[in-house]
C-alpha atoms as a PDB file:
ATOM      1  CA  MET A   1    -123.356 -61.177 157.819  1.00  0.00           C
ATOM      2  CA  HIS A   2    -120.571 -59.731 156.734  1.00  0.00           C
ATOM      3  CA  SER A   3    -119.863 -59.254 152.751  1.00  0.00           C
ATOM      4  CA  PHE A   4    -117.463 -61.456 150.262  1.00  0.00           C
ATOM      5  CA  GLY A   5    -115.009 -57.975 150.213  1.00  0.00           C
ATOM      6  CA  TYR A   6    -115.084 -58.238 154.208  1.00  0.00           C
ATOM      7  CA  ARG A   7    -113.984 -61.324 154.794  1.00  0.00           C
ATOM      8  CA  ALA A   8    -111.532 -61.116 152.104  1.00  0.00           C
ATOM      9  CA  ASN A   9    -109.958 -58.212 153.429  1.00  0.00           C
ATOM     10  CA  ALA A  10    -109.759 -59.528 157.231  1.00  0.00           C
ATOM     11  CA  LEU A  11    -108.325 -63.149 155.446  1.00  0.00           C
ATOM     12  CA  VAL A  12    -105.446 -61.053 153.557  1.00  0.00           C
ATOM     13  CA  THR A  13    -104.857 -59.121 156.269  1.00  0.00           C
ATOM     14  CA  PHE A  14    -104.183 -62.388 158.454  1.00  0.00           C
ATOM     15  CA  ALA A  15    -102.259 -63.900 156.086  1.00  0.00           C
ATOM     16  CA  VAL A  16     -99.711 -60.714 155.919  1.00  0.00           C
ATOM     17  CA  THR A  17     -99.363 -60.445 159.791  1.00  0.00           C
ATOM     18  CA  ILE A  18     -98.507 -64.486 159.735  1.00  0.00           C
ATOM     19  CA  LEU A  19     -95.939 -63.764 157.149  1.00  0.00           C
ATOM     20  CA  ALA A  20     -94.548 -60.524 158.626  1.00  0.00           C
ATOM     21  CA  LEU A  21     -94.124 -62.745 161.974  1.00  0.00           C
ATOM     22  CA  MET A  22     -93.080 -65.622 160.688  1.00  0.00           C
ATOM     23  CA  CYS A  23     -90.039 -63.656 158.529  1.00  0.00           C
ATOM     24  CA  GLY A  24     -88.996 -61.856 161.718  1.00  0.00           C
ATOM     25  CA  MET A  25     -88.873 -65.114 163.312  1.00  0.00           C
ATOM     26  CA  ALA A  26     -86.476 -66.448 160.946  1.00  0.00           C
ATOM     27  CA  SER A  27     -84.678 -63.062 160.951  1.00  0.00           C
ATOM     28  CA  LEU A  28     -84.040 -63.625 164.486  1.00  0.00           C
ATOM     29  CA  SER A  29     -83.135 -67.328 164.516  1.00  0.00           C
ATOM     30  CA  ASP A  30     -80.077 -66.576 162.481  1.00  0.00           C
ATOM     31  CA  ASN A  31     -78.674 -63.955 165.275  1.00  0.00           C
ATOM     32  CA  PHE A  32     -77.636 -67.392 167.000  1.00  0.00           C
ATOM     33  CA  ASN A  33     -75.473 -68.651 164.698  1.00  0.00           C
ATOM     34  CA  SER A  34     -72.206 -67.834 165.696  1.00  0.00           C
ATOM     35  CA  PRO A  35     -69.918 -68.503 161.786  1.00  0.00           C
ATOM     36  CA  SER A  36     -66.823 -69.545 162.108  1.00  0.00           C
ATOM     37  CA  PRO A  37     -64.917 -69.085 158.403  1.00  0.00           C
ATOM     38  CA  SER A  38     -61.363 -69.470 157.838  1.00  0.00           C
ATOM     39  CA  ALA A  39     -59.374 -68.428 155.014  1.00  0.00           C
ATOM     40  CA  HIS A  40     -55.335 -69.538 154.477  1.00  0.00           C
ATOM     41  CA  VAL A  41     -52.366 -67.411 152.959  1.00  0.00           C
ATOM     42  CA  GLN A  42     -49.386 -67.825 151.100  1.00  0.00           C
ATOM     43  CA  LEU A  43     -46.866 -65.410 150.185  1.00  0.00           C
ATOM     44  CA  ARG A  44     -44.634 -66.429 147.357  1.00  0.00           C
ATOM     45  CA  ILE A  45     -41.523 -64.035 145.536  1.00  0.00           C
ATOM     46  CA  SER A  46     -39.433 -65.186 144.073  1.00  0.00           C
ATOM     47  CA  ASN A  47     -40.301 -68.975 144.547  1.00  0.00           C
ATOM     48  CA  SER A  48     -40.075 -69.020 148.549  1.00  0.00           C
ATOM     49  CA  LEU A  49     -42.915 -69.430 150.062  1.00  0.00           C
ATOM     50  CA  THR A  50     -44.032 -68.518 153.897  1.00  0.00           C
ATOM     51  CA  PRO A  51     -47.180 -69.517 155.135  1.00  0.00           C
ATOM     52  CA  PHE A  52     -49.167 -67.337 156.939  1.00  0.00           C
ATOM     53  CA  THR A  53     -52.656 -68.454 158.461  1.00  0.00           C
ATOM     54  CA  HIS A  54     -55.866 -66.900 157.578  1.00  0.00           C
ATOM     55  CA  LEU A  55     -56.199 -67.131 153.514  1.00  0.00           C
ATOM     56  CA  SER A  56     -54.100 -68.050 150.200  1.00  0.00           C
ATOM     57  CA  VAL A  57     -52.638 -65.418 148.146  1.00  0.00           C
ATOM     58  CA  LEU A  58     -49.528 -63.928 146.070  1.00  0.00           C
ATOM     59  CA  ASN A  59     -46.433 -63.564 143.623  1.00  0.00           C
ATOM     60  CA  ILE A  60     -45.810 -60.434 142.255  1.00  0.00           C
ATOM     61  CA  ASN A  61     -45.561 -60.951 138.308  1.00  0.00           C
ATOM     62  CA  TRP A  62     -45.077 -57.180 137.602  1.00  0.00           C
ATOM     63  CA  PHE A  63     -44.598 -53.601 139.848  1.00  0.00           C
ATOM     64  CA  GLN A  64     -44.022 -50.759 137.284  1.00  0.00           C
ATOM     65  CA  LYS A  65     -44.906 -47.180 136.711  1.00  0.00           C
ATOM     66  CA  GLN A  66     -47.327 -45.684 134.181  1.00  0.00           C
ATOM     67  CA  PRO A  67     -47.211 -43.191 131.535  1.00  0.00           C
ATOM     68  CA  LYS A  68     -48.945 -40.789 134.119  1.00  0.00           C
ATOM     69  CA  ALA A  69     -47.057 -41.546 137.026  1.00  0.00           C
ATOM     70  CA  ASN A  70     -49.031 -43.749 139.044  1.00  0.00           C
ATOM     71  CA  ASP A  71     -47.712 -47.500 140.200  1.00  0.00           C
ATOM     72  CA  GLU A  72     -49.618 -50.566 138.944  1.00  0.00           C
ATOM     73  CA  VAL A  73     -49.052 -53.726 140.596  1.00  0.00           C
ATOM     74  CA  SER A  74     -49.831 -57.675 138.847  1.00  0.00           C
ATOM     75  CA  MET A  75     -50.249 -60.269 141.184  1.00  0.00           C
ATOM     76  CA  THR A  76     -50.966 -64.018 141.164  1.00  0.00           C
ATOM     77  CA  LEU A  77     -53.361 -64.828 143.950  1.00  0.00           C
ATOM     78  CA  ASN A  78     -53.628 -68.674 145.491  1.00  0.00           C
ATOM     79  CA  ILE A  79     -56.849 -68.110 147.007  1.00  0.00           C
ATOM     80  CA  SER A  80     -58.239 -70.462 149.453  1.00  0.00           C
ATOM     81  CA  ALA A  81     -61.177 -70.650 152.082  1.00  0.00           C
ATOM     82  CA  ASP A  82     -63.518 -72.535 154.223  1.00  0.00           C
ATOM     83  CA  LEU A  83     -66.954 -70.348 154.573  1.00  0.00           C
ATOM     84  CA  GLN A  84     -69.295 -73.753 154.653  1.00  0.00           C
ATOM     85  CA  SER A  85     -70.019 -71.851 158.454  1.00  0.00           C
ATOM     86  CA  LEU A  86     -71.569 -69.152 156.904  1.00  0.00           C
ATOM     87  CA  PHE A  87     -74.291 -70.821 155.235  1.00  0.00           C
ATOM     88  CA  THR A  88     -77.376 -71.436 157.141  1.00  0.00           C
ATOM     89  CA  TRP A  89     -81.242 -72.504 156.058  1.00  0.00           C
ATOM     90  CA  ASN A  90     -81.574 -68.611 155.753  1.00  0.00           C
ATOM     91  CA  THR A  91     -78.566 -67.681 153.397  1.00  0.00           C
ATOM     92  CA  LYS A  92     -79.696 -67.004 150.336  1.00  0.00           C
ATOM     93  CA  GLN A  93     -75.823 -66.306 149.164  1.00  0.00           C
ATOM     94  CA  VAL A  94     -72.437 -64.864 150.059  1.00  0.00           C
ATOM     95  CA  PHE A  95     -70.172 -62.615 148.333  1.00  0.00           C
ATOM     96  CA  VAL A  96     -66.875 -61.968 149.526  1.00  0.00           C
ATOM     97  CA  PHE A  97     -63.842 -60.115 148.259  1.00  0.00           C
ATOM     98  CA  LEU A  98     -60.183 -59.814 148.610  1.00  0.00           C
ATOM     99  CA  ALA A  99     -58.668 -56.360 148.960  1.00  0.00           C
ATOM    100  CA  ALA A 100     -55.323 -54.988 149.372  1.00  0.00           C
ATOM    101  CA  GLU A 101     -55.650 -52.171 152.388  1.00  0.00           C
ATOM    102  CA  TYR A 102     -52.387 -49.816 152.756  1.00  0.00           C
ATOM    103  CA  GLU A 103     -52.069 -46.100 154.098  1.00  0.00           C
ATOM    104  CA  THR A 104     -50.705 -42.693 151.971  1.00  0.00           C
ATOM    105  CA  PRO A 105     -49.910 -39.374 153.590  1.00  0.00           C
ATOM    106  CA  LYS A 106     -53.506 -37.954 151.624  1.00  0.00           C
ATOM    107  CA  ASN A 107     -55.889 -40.989 153.061  1.00  0.00           C
ATOM    108  CA  SER A 108     -55.825 -43.009 155.910  1.00  0.00           C
ATOM    109  CA  LEU A 109     -56.955 -46.069 154.493  1.00  0.00           C
ATOM    110  CA  ASN A 110     -56.897 -46.935 150.675  1.00  0.00           C
ATOM    111  CA  GLN A 111     -58.769 -49.805 149.901  1.00  0.00           C
ATOM    112  CA  ILE A 112     -58.108 -51.978 146.529  1.00  0.00           C
ATOM    113  CA  SER A 113     -60.050 -55.261 145.320  1.00  0.00           C
ATOM    114  CA  LEU A 114     -58.041 -57.374 144.074  1.00  0.00           C
ATOM    115  CA  TRP A 115     -60.812 -60.254 143.416  1.00  0.00           C
ATOM    116  CA  ASP A 116     -64.302 -61.129 144.343  1.00  0.00           C
ATOM    117  CA  GLY A 117     -66.696 -63.909 143.708  1.00  0.00           C
ATOM    118  CA  ILE A 118     -70.553 -64.725 144.828  1.00  0.00           C
ATOM    119  CA  ILE A 119     -70.984 -68.156 146.475  1.00  0.00           C
ATOM    120  CA  PRO A 120     -74.374 -69.541 145.773  1.00  0.00           C
ATOM    121  CA  ASN A 121     -74.103 -72.459 148.085  1.00  0.00           C
ATOM    122  CA  LYS A 122     -72.572 -74.312 151.331  1.00  0.00           C
ATOM    123  CA  GLU A 123     -71.227 -76.650 148.712  1.00  0.00           C
ATOM    124  CA  HIS A 124     -69.311 -74.278 146.813  1.00  0.00           C
ATOM    125  CA  ALA A 125     -68.093 -72.643 149.922  1.00  0.00           C
ATOM    126  CA  LYS A 126     -64.817 -74.240 150.141  1.00  0.00           C
ATOM    127  CA  PHE A 127     -62.751 -73.247 147.601  1.00  0.00           C
ATOM    128  CA  TRP A 128     -58.748 -72.947 146.239  1.00  0.00           C
ATOM    129  CA  ILE A 129     -58.569 -70.218 143.404  1.00  0.00           C
ATOM    130  CA  HIS A 130     -55.079 -69.910 141.600  1.00  0.00           C
ATOM    131  CA  THR A 131     -55.499 -66.526 139.716  1.00  0.00           C
ATOM    132  CA  SER A 132     -53.958 -63.096 138.879  1.00  0.00           C
ATOM    133  CA  ASN A 133     -55.945 -59.625 140.316  1.00  0.00           C
ATOM    134  CA  LYS A 134     -58.986 -59.583 138.434  1.00  0.00           C
ATOM    135  CA  TYR A 135     -58.949 -56.307 139.205  1.00  0.00           C
ATOM    136  CA  ARG A 136     -56.154 -53.353 138.688  1.00  0.00           C
ATOM    137  CA  PHE A 137     -53.807 -52.811 141.486  1.00  0.00           C
ATOM    138  CA  ILE A 138     -53.234 -49.141 140.999  1.00  0.00           C
ATOM    139  CA  ASP A 139     -52.046 -46.132 143.433  1.00  0.00           C
ATOM    140  CA  GLN A 140     -52.629 -42.701 142.154  1.00  0.00           C
ATOM    141  CA  GLY A 141     -48.983 -41.114 142.441  1.00  0.00           C
ATOM    142  CA  SER A 142     -45.773 -43.371 143.384  1.00  0.00           C
ATOM    143  CA  ASN A 143     -46.839 -44.291 146.741  1.00  0.00           C
ATOM    144  CA  LEU A 144     -46.290 -48.389 146.348  1.00  0.00           C
ATOM    145  CA  ARG A 145     -42.993 -48.762 146.367  1.00  0.00           C
ATOM    146  CA  GLY A 146     -41.536 -49.978 149.282  1.00  0.00           C
ATOM    147  CA  LYS A 147     -45.216 -49.639 150.831  1.00  0.00           C
ATOM    148  CA  GLU A 148     -46.917 -52.240 153.664  1.00  0.00           C
ATOM    149  CA  TYR A 149     -50.302 -53.509 153.079  1.00  0.00           C
ATOM    150  CA  ASN A 150     -52.726 -55.722 154.206  1.00  0.00           C
ATOM    151  CA  LEU A 151     -54.664 -58.587 153.067  1.00  0.00           C
ATOM    152  CA  THR A 152     -57.753 -58.649 153.468  1.00  0.00           C
ATOM    153  CA  MET A 153     -61.112 -61.212 152.798  1.00  0.00           C
ATOM    154  CA  HIS A 154     -64.188 -59.719 153.503  1.00  0.00           C
ATOM    155  CA  TRP A 155     -67.549 -61.442 153.002  1.00  0.00           C
ATOM    156  CA  HIS A 156     -71.356 -60.103 152.850  1.00  0.00           C
ATOM    157  CA  VAL A 157     -73.901 -62.744 154.100  1.00  0.00           C
ATOM    158  CA  MET A 158     -76.923 -62.109 151.794  1.00  0.00           C
ATOM    159  CA  PRO A 159     -80.395 -63.745 153.524  1.00  0.00           C
ATOM    160  CA  LYS A 160     -83.260 -65.252 152.212  1.00  0.00           C
ATOM    161  CA  THR A 161     -85.012 -62.753 154.892  1.00  0.00           C
ATOM    162  CA  GLY A 162     -84.049 -60.396 157.386  1.00  0.00           C
ATOM    163  CA  LYS A 163     -80.031 -58.192 157.774  1.00  0.00           C
ATOM    164  CA  MET A 164     -77.382 -58.912 155.668  1.00  0.00           C
ATOM    165  CA  LEU A 165     -74.682 -59.352 157.810  1.00  0.00           C
ATOM    166  CA  ALA A 166     -70.847 -58.601 156.755  1.00  0.00           C
ATOM    167  CA  ASP A 167     -67.219 -59.225 158.298  1.00  0.00           C
ATOM    168  CA  LYS A 168     -63.464 -59.835 157.533  1.00  0.00           C
ATOM    169  CA  ILE A 169     -60.358 -61.661 157.853  1.00  0.00           C
ATOM    170  CA  VAL A 170     -57.386 -59.147 157.997  1.00  0.00           C
ATOM    171  CA  MET A 171     -53.635 -60.146 157.297  1.00  0.00           C
ATOM    172  CA  PRO A 172     -51.325 -57.924 157.901  1.00  0.00           C
ATOM    173  CA  GLY A 173     -47.423 -57.942 157.101  1.00  0.00           C
ATOM    174  CA  TYR A 174     -47.634 -57.920 153.140  1.00  0.00           C
ATOM    175  CA  ARG A 175     -44.711 -55.433 151.694  1.00  0.00           C
ATOM    176  CA  LEU A 176     -44.046 -54.616 148.113  1.00  0.00           C
ATOM    177  CA  PRO A 177     -40.733 -54.335 146.562  1.00  0.00           C
ATOM    178  CA  GLU A 178     -38.731 -51.398 146.524  1.00  0.00           C
ATOM    179  CA  GLU A 179     -38.086 -51.334 143.247  1.00  0.00           C
ATOM    180  CA  TYR A 180     -39.980 -51.019 139.960  1.00  0.00           C
ATOM    181  CA  ARG A 181     -40.180 -54.621 137.704  1.00  0.00           C
END
């Protein structure tokens, strides 16, 4: 006969092995999901409305030079997106953020986060938000006048088990004013 300790060890080892196998199968099953998120963007400057496909965004409130010679922009954002296809039975939450991306002589890629949010479930994954940029859009130096930039919606899917998925939608073709306002 085996001792109680030996039987308990065998039972715990078997349970942990089955749990690890189930977590592995759950993680692999998520690979068969092919999400198709969408977002819609509108660029609104001086009361003109130009629709774009894939997100929803902005009106420039002010564009100024700070005392330390840095450029700063304030925008009004209209963000709408349908990220429901990112949710599966294995999705815990989705972290989403909107970034402005542009080039300068010193850096080939500058990313400024303008807004972010956490989507806790599928019911909240289809949204429309009207807000000013949550974080400051500042560039060191006077590099923003007349600068072309892209608006990019990034998302990170945080699963209950398995690897985290990250992707984005890029919306090119935005330009800041030539003069400070």
